Amino acid sequence: MTEQAANGITANEKLQRSVLRSFITEQCCIKHLPAQLKKKLIVLEHLTNQLDADKIYTEKEINAFIKPLNEDFATIRRELYIHRFVNRENEIYEVNDRREWRDWRTLG
């Protein structure tokens, strides 16, 4: 049994914690989006988990949610859409089912 398994922490959980410590401030702001895809998806998943999956958001509401976390809200909003965390139609956003999200755990 590995030390991680003995502690109940998987390699994925360890990576996720490390990435969030590196890219999210103590005030929960996003320092910047990571360039590496796997790390970027971890940050985007963390952000999406803070949205209400049962709510429909206007683009203005999504911007208002992201802007206090990072001034480049347009890029982050676009990345959420590109990686299927949210769906957009006519400036209306909805959180997609988790099974549709691009999953960083499946990347090498």
N, C-alpha and C. Protein backbone atom coordinates (compact mmCIF):
# COMPACT_ATOMS: atom_id res chain seq x y z
N MET A 1 0.85 -1.19 0.00
CA MET A 1 0.00 0.00 0.00
C MET A 1 0.90 1.24 0.00
N THR A 2 0.61 2.18 -0.87
CA THR A 2 1.41 3.40 -0.93
C THR A 2 1.09 4.29 0.25
N GLU A 3 2.00 5.23 0.50
CA GLU A 3 1.79 6.18 1.59
C GLU A 3 0.54 7.00 1.35
N GLN A 4 0.32 7.41 0.07
CA GLN A 4 -0.87 8.20 -0.26
C GLN A 4 -2.13 7.41 0.03
N ALA A 5 -2.16 6.16 -0.39
CA ALA A 5 -3.34 5.33 -0.16
C ALA A 5 -3.57 5.14 1.33
N ALA A 6 -2.48 4.98 2.08
CA ALA A 6 -2.60 4.83 3.53
C ALA A 6 -3.19 6.07 4.16
N ASN A 7 -2.87 7.23 3.61
CA ASN A 7 -3.41 8.49 4.15
C ASN A 7 -4.79 8.81 3.59
N GLY A 8 -5.26 7.99 2.65
CA GLY A 8 -6.56 8.24 2.06
C GLY A 8 -6.55 9.31 0.99
N ILE A 9 -5.38 9.71 0.54
CA ILE A 9 -5.26 10.76 -0.48
C ILE A 9 -4.74 10.12 -1.76
N THR A 10 -5.52 10.26 -2.82
CA THR A 10 -5.09 9.71 -4.11
C THR A 10 -4.14 10.68 -4.79
N ALA A 11 -3.47 10.20 -5.83
CA ALA A 11 -2.58 11.05 -6.61
C ALA A 11 -3.37 12.21 -7.24
N ASN A 12 -4.59 11.93 -7.71
CA ASN A 12 -5.42 12.99 -8.29
C ASN A 12 -5.78 14.05 -7.26
N GLU A 13 -6.13 13.62 -6.06
CA GLU A 13 -6.47 14.58 -5.00
C GLU A 13 -5.26 15.43 -4.63
N LYS A 14 -4.11 14.80 -4.59
CA LYS A 14 -2.87 15.52 -4.27
C LYS A 14 -2.59 16.57 -5.35
N LEU A 15 -2.72 16.18 -6.62
CA LEU A 15 -2.51 17.12 -7.72
C LEU A 15 -3.52 18.26 -7.64
N GLN A 16 -4.78 17.93 -7.43
CA GLN A 16 -5.83 18.95 -7.37
C GLN A 16 -5.53 19.96 -6.26
N ARG A 17 -5.17 19.50 -5.10
CA ARG A 17 -4.85 20.40 -3.98
C ARG A 17 -3.67 21.30 -4.32
N SER A 18 -2.65 20.72 -4.92
CA SER A 18 -1.46 21.47 -5.29
C SER A 18 -1.78 22.56 -6.31
N VAL A 19 -2.56 22.20 -7.33
CA VAL A 19 -2.92 23.17 -8.37
C VAL A 19 -3.76 24.31 -7.77
N LEU A 20 -4.74 23.97 -6.95
CA LEU A 20 -5.58 25.02 -6.36
C LEU A 20 -4.77 25.92 -5.45
N ARG A 21 -3.82 25.37 -4.70
CA ARG A 21 -2.94 26.20 -3.86
C ARG A 21 -2.10 27.14 -4.71
N SER A 22 -1.69 26.67 -5.88
CA SER A 22 -0.82 27.47 -6.76
C SER A 22 -1.57 28.57 -7.52
N PHE A 23 -2.83 28.32 -7.86
CA PHE A 23 -3.54 29.25 -8.75
C PHE A 23 -4.73 29.97 -8.12
N ILE A 24 -5.10 29.60 -6.90
CA ILE A 24 -6.22 30.26 -6.21
C ILE A 24 -5.66 30.90 -4.94
N THR A 25 -5.96 32.18 -4.74
CA THR A 25 -5.47 32.87 -3.55
C THR A 25 -6.29 32.48 -2.32
N GLU A 26 -5.81 32.89 -1.15
CA GLU A 26 -6.56 32.63 0.09
C GLU A 26 -7.92 33.32 0.07
N GLN A 27 -8.06 34.39 -0.73
CA GLN A 27 -9.32 35.11 -0.86
C GLN A 27 -10.20 34.49 -1.96
N CYS A 28 -9.78 33.34 -2.47
CA CYS A 28 -10.50 32.58 -3.51
C CYS A 28 -10.44 33.21 -4.89
N CYS A 29 -9.52 34.14 -5.11
CA CYS A 29 -9.35 34.74 -6.43
C CYS A 29 -8.45 33.85 -7.28
N ILE A 30 -8.65 33.91 -8.58
CA ILE A 30 -7.83 33.15 -9.52
C ILE A 30 -6.64 34.02 -9.90
N LYS A 31 -5.44 33.57 -9.56
CA LYS A 31 -4.23 34.34 -9.91
C LYS A 31 -4.15 34.50 -11.42
N HIS A 32 -4.24 33.40 -12.13
CA HIS A 32 -4.33 33.35 -13.59
C HIS A 32 -4.65 31.91 -13.97
N LEU A 33 -5.17 31.74 -15.16
CA LEU A 33 -5.45 30.39 -15.62
C LEU A 33 -4.14 29.71 -15.99
N PRO A 34 -3.94 28.49 -15.55
CA PRO A 34 -2.73 27.77 -15.93
C PRO A 34 -2.67 27.53 -17.43
N ALA A 35 -1.49 27.47 -17.97
CA ALA A 35 -1.31 27.18 -19.40
C ALA A 35 -1.52 25.69 -19.67
N GLN A 36 -1.08 24.85 -18.76
CA GLN A 36 -1.21 23.41 -18.94
C GLN A 36 -2.69 23.02 -18.84
N LEU A 37 -3.19 22.29 -19.82
CA LEU A 37 -4.60 21.95 -19.91
C LEU A 37 -5.13 21.27 -18.65
N LYS A 38 -4.42 20.27 -18.16
CA LYS A 38 -4.89 19.52 -17.00
C LYS A 38 -5.09 20.45 -15.80
N LYS A 39 -4.14 21.34 -15.57
CA LYS A 39 -4.24 22.28 -14.45
C LYS A 39 -5.35 23.29 -14.68
N LYS A 40 -5.50 23.74 -15.93
CA LYS A 40 -6.56 24.68 -16.26
C LYS A 40 -7.93 24.07 -15.96
N LEU A 41 -8.10 22.80 -16.33
CA LEU A 41 -9.38 22.13 -16.09
C LEU A 41 -9.66 21.98 -14.60
N ILE A 42 -8.64 21.78 -13.80
CA ILE A 42 -8.81 21.70 -12.35
C ILE A 42 -9.35 23.03 -11.82
N VAL A 43 -8.77 24.13 -12.27
CA VAL A 43 -9.22 25.46 -11.82
C VAL A 43 -10.64 25.73 -12.30
N LEU A 44 -10.94 25.40 -13.55
CA LEU A 44 -12.28 25.63 -14.09
C LEU A 44 -13.32 24.76 -13.38
N GLU A 45 -12.97 23.53 -13.05
CA GLU A 45 -13.89 22.67 -12.30
C GLU A 45 -14.17 23.26 -10.92
N HIS A 46 -13.12 23.74 -10.28
CA HIS A 46 -13.27 24.37 -8.96
C HIS A 46 -14.23 25.56 -9.05
N LEU A 47 -14.06 26.36 -10.07
CA LEU A 47 -14.92 27.52 -10.27
C LEU A 47 -16.37 27.10 -10.54
N THR A 48 -16.55 26.13 -11.40
CA THR A 48 -17.89 25.66 -11.75
C THR A 48 -18.62 25.07 -10.55
N ASN A 49 -17.89 24.43 -9.67
CA ASN A 49 -18.50 23.86 -8.47
C ASN A 49 -19.12 24.93 -7.57
N GLN A 50 -18.76 26.18 -7.77
CA GLN A 50 -19.31 27.28 -6.98
C GLN A 50 -20.60 27.83 -7.59
N LEU A 51 -20.92 27.43 -8.81
CA LEU A 51 -22.16 27.86 -9.46
C LEU A 51 -23.30 26.93 -9.05
N ASP A 52 -24.51 27.46 -9.08
CA ASP A 52 -25.71 26.66 -8.79
C ASP A 52 -26.10 25.92 -10.06
N ALA A 53 -26.02 24.61 -10.02
CA ALA A 53 -26.30 23.79 -11.21
C ALA A 53 -27.76 23.87 -11.63
N ASP A 54 -28.63 24.29 -10.76
CA ASP A 54 -30.06 24.37 -11.08
C ASP A 54 -30.49 25.76 -11.54
N LYS A 55 -29.55 26.67 -11.62
CA LYS A 55 -29.89 28.05 -11.97
C LYS A 55 -29.53 28.35 -13.42
N ILE A 56 -30.31 29.20 -14.03
CA ILE A 56 -30.02 29.73 -15.36
C ILE A 56 -29.40 31.11 -15.15
N TYR A 57 -28.25 31.34 -15.77
CA TYR A 57 -27.53 32.60 -15.60
C TYR A 57 -27.55 33.41 -16.90
N THR A 58 -27.71 34.71 -16.75
CA THR A 58 -27.50 35.59 -17.90
C THR A 58 -25.99 35.80 -18.03
N GLU A 59 -25.56 36.29 -19.18
CA GLU A 59 -24.14 36.57 -19.36
C GLU A 59 -23.67 37.59 -18.33
N LYS A 60 -24.51 38.55 -18.03
CA LYS A 60 -24.16 39.58 -17.04
C LYS A 60 -23.96 38.94 -15.65
N GLU A 61 -24.78 37.96 -15.31
CA GLU A 61 -24.65 37.29 -14.02
C GLU A 61 -23.37 36.44 -13.96
N ILE A 62 -23.07 35.76 -15.06
CA ILE A 62 -21.83 34.97 -15.11
C ILE A 62 -20.62 35.90 -14.97
N ASN A 63 -20.66 37.02 -15.68
CA ASN A 63 -19.57 38.00 -15.58
C ASN A 63 -19.43 38.51 -14.15
N ALA A 64 -20.55 38.80 -13.51
CA ALA A 64 -20.53 39.31 -12.14
C ALA A 64 -19.99 38.26 -11.16
N PHE A 65 -20.21 36.99 -11.46
CA PHE A 65 -19.68 35.92 -10.64
C PHE A 65 -18.16 35.81 -10.79
N ILE A 66 -17.68 35.89 -12.04
CA ILE A 66 -16.26 35.68 -12.31
C ILE A 66 -15.42 36.92 -12.01
N LYS A 67 -15.92 38.11 -12.32
CA LYS A 67 -15.12 39.33 -12.26
C LYS A 67 -14.43 39.57 -10.91
N PRO A 68 -15.09 39.33 -9.77
CA PRO A 68 -14.37 39.52 -8.50
C PRO A 68 -13.23 38.51 -8.30
N LEU A 69 -13.27 37.43 -9.04
CA LEU A 69 -12.26 36.37 -8.90
C LEU A 69 -11.07 36.59 -9.81
N ASN A 70 -11.31 37.26 -10.96
CA ASN A 70 -10.24 37.54 -11.92
C ASN A 70 -10.74 38.57 -12.91
N GLU A 71 -9.93 39.57 -13.20
CA GLU A 71 -10.36 40.65 -14.10
C GLU A 71 -10.57 40.19 -15.53
N ASP A 72 -9.97 39.09 -15.92
CA ASP A 72 -10.14 38.59 -17.29
C ASP A 72 -11.34 37.64 -17.35
N PHE A 73 -12.49 38.15 -16.95
CA PHE A 73 -13.70 37.33 -16.86
C PHE A 73 -14.15 36.80 -18.22
N ALA A 74 -13.90 37.54 -19.28
CA ALA A 74 -14.33 37.09 -20.61
C ALA A 74 -13.58 35.83 -21.04
N THR A 75 -12.29 35.78 -20.78
CA THR A 75 -11.51 34.59 -21.13
C THR A 75 -11.96 33.40 -20.29
N ILE A 76 -12.16 33.62 -19.01
CA ILE A 76 -12.57 32.52 -18.13
C ILE A 76 -13.96 32.02 -18.52
N ARG A 77 -14.86 32.93 -18.82
CA ARG A 77 -16.21 32.56 -19.27
C ARG A 77 -16.13 31.71 -20.53
N ARG A 78 -15.30 32.13 -21.47
CA ARG A 78 -15.13 31.40 -22.73
C ARG A 78 -14.52 30.01 -22.47
N GLU A 79 -13.56 29.92 -21.59
CA GLU A 79 -12.94 28.63 -21.26
C GLU A 79 -13.96 27.70 -20.60
N LEU A 80 -14.82 28.22 -19.76
CA LEU A 80 -15.88 27.40 -19.15
C LEU A 80 -16.76 26.78 -20.23
N TYR A 81 -17.05 27.56 -21.25
CA TYR A 81 -17.88 27.08 -22.37
C TYR A 81 -17.11 26.09 -23.25
N ILE A 82 -15.89 26.43 -23.61
CA ILE A 82 -15.09 25.58 -24.49
C ILE A 82 -14.92 24.18 -23.90
N HIS A 83 -14.72 24.11 -22.60
CA HIS A 83 -14.46 22.82 -21.95
C HIS A 83 -15.72 22.19 -21.37
N ARG A 84 -16.87 22.68 -21.83
CA ARG A 84 -18.18 22.08 -21.55
C ARG A 84 -18.63 22.11 -20.09
N PHE A 85 -18.07 23.04 -19.31
CA PHE A 85 -18.55 23.19 -17.94
C PHE A 85 -19.92 23.88 -17.94
N VAL A 86 -20.10 24.78 -18.90
CA VAL A 86 -21.38 25.46 -19.05
C VAL A 86 -21.81 25.40 -20.51
N ASN A 87 -23.10 25.57 -20.71
CA ASN A 87 -23.65 25.67 -22.05
C ASN A 87 -24.17 27.09 -22.22
N ARG A 88 -24.07 27.60 -23.42
CA ARG A 88 -24.51 28.97 -23.69
C ARG A 88 -25.42 28.96 -24.91
N GLU A 89 -26.54 29.66 -24.76
CA GLU A 89 -27.43 29.86 -25.89
C GLU A 89 -28.12 31.21 -25.71
N ASN A 90 -27.93 32.10 -26.69
CA ASN A 90 -28.52 33.44 -26.65
C ASN A 90 -28.18 34.18 -25.35
N GLU A 91 -26.88 34.13 -24.99
CA GLU A 91 -26.37 34.81 -23.80
C GLU A 91 -26.97 34.29 -22.50
N ILE A 92 -27.51 33.08 -22.52
CA ILE A 92 -28.03 32.40 -21.33
C ILE A 92 -27.11 31.21 -21.05
N TYR A 93 -26.67 31.10 -19.82
CA TYR A 93 -25.72 30.06 -19.43
C TYR A 93 -26.35 29.11 -18.42
N GLU A 94 -26.04 27.83 -18.60
CA GLU A 94 -26.45 26.80 -17.66
C GLU A 94 -25.27 25.89 -17.39
N VAL A 95 -25.15 25.43 -16.15
CA VAL A 95 -24.09 24.48 -15.82
C VAL A 95 -24.47 23.14 -16.43
N ASN A 96 -23.55 22.54 -17.17
CA ASN A 96 -23.78 21.23 -17.76
C ASN A 96 -23.70 20.15 -16.69
N ASP A 97 -24.28 19.02 -16.99
CA ASP A 97 -24.15 17.84 -16.15
C ASP A 97 -22.67 17.50 -16.05
N ARG A 98 -22.21 17.09 -14.89
CA ARG A 98 -20.79 16.78 -14.67
C ARG A 98 -20.22 15.80 -15.70
N ARG A 99 -21.04 14.91 -16.20
CA ARG A 99 -20.56 13.92 -17.16
C ARG A 99 -20.16 14.57 -18.49
N GLU A 100 -20.63 15.80 -18.74
CA GLU A 100 -20.29 16.51 -19.98
C GLU A 100 -19.01 17.33 -19.84
N TRP A 101 -18.58 17.59 -18.61
CA TRP A 101 -17.40 18.40 -18.38
C TRP A 101 -16.17 17.70 -18.93
N ARG A 102 -15.25 18.46 -19.45
CA ARG A 102 -13.97 17.88 -19.85
C ARG A 102 -13.23 17.50 -18.58
N ASP A 103 -12.92 16.24 -18.42
CA ASP A 103 -12.41 15.72 -17.16
C ASP A 103 -10.88 15.65 -17.17
N TRP A 104 -10.27 16.41 -16.28
CA TRP A 104 -8.82 16.45 -16.19
C TRP A 104 -8.24 15.11 -15.73
N ARG A 105 -9.05 14.30 -15.05
CA ARG A 105 -8.57 13.02 -14.54
C ARG A 105 -8.27 12.02 -15.67
N THR A 106 -8.84 12.27 -16.84
CA THR A 106 -8.64 11.35 -17.97
C THR A 106 -7.42 11.73 -18.81
N LEU A 107 -6.81 12.86 -18.53
CA LEU A 107 -5.64 13.31 -19.29
C LEU A 107 -4.37 12.68 -18.73
N GLY A 108 -3.43 12.40 -19.60
CA GLY A 108 -2.17 11.79 -19.19
C GLY A 108 -1.23 12.74 -18.53
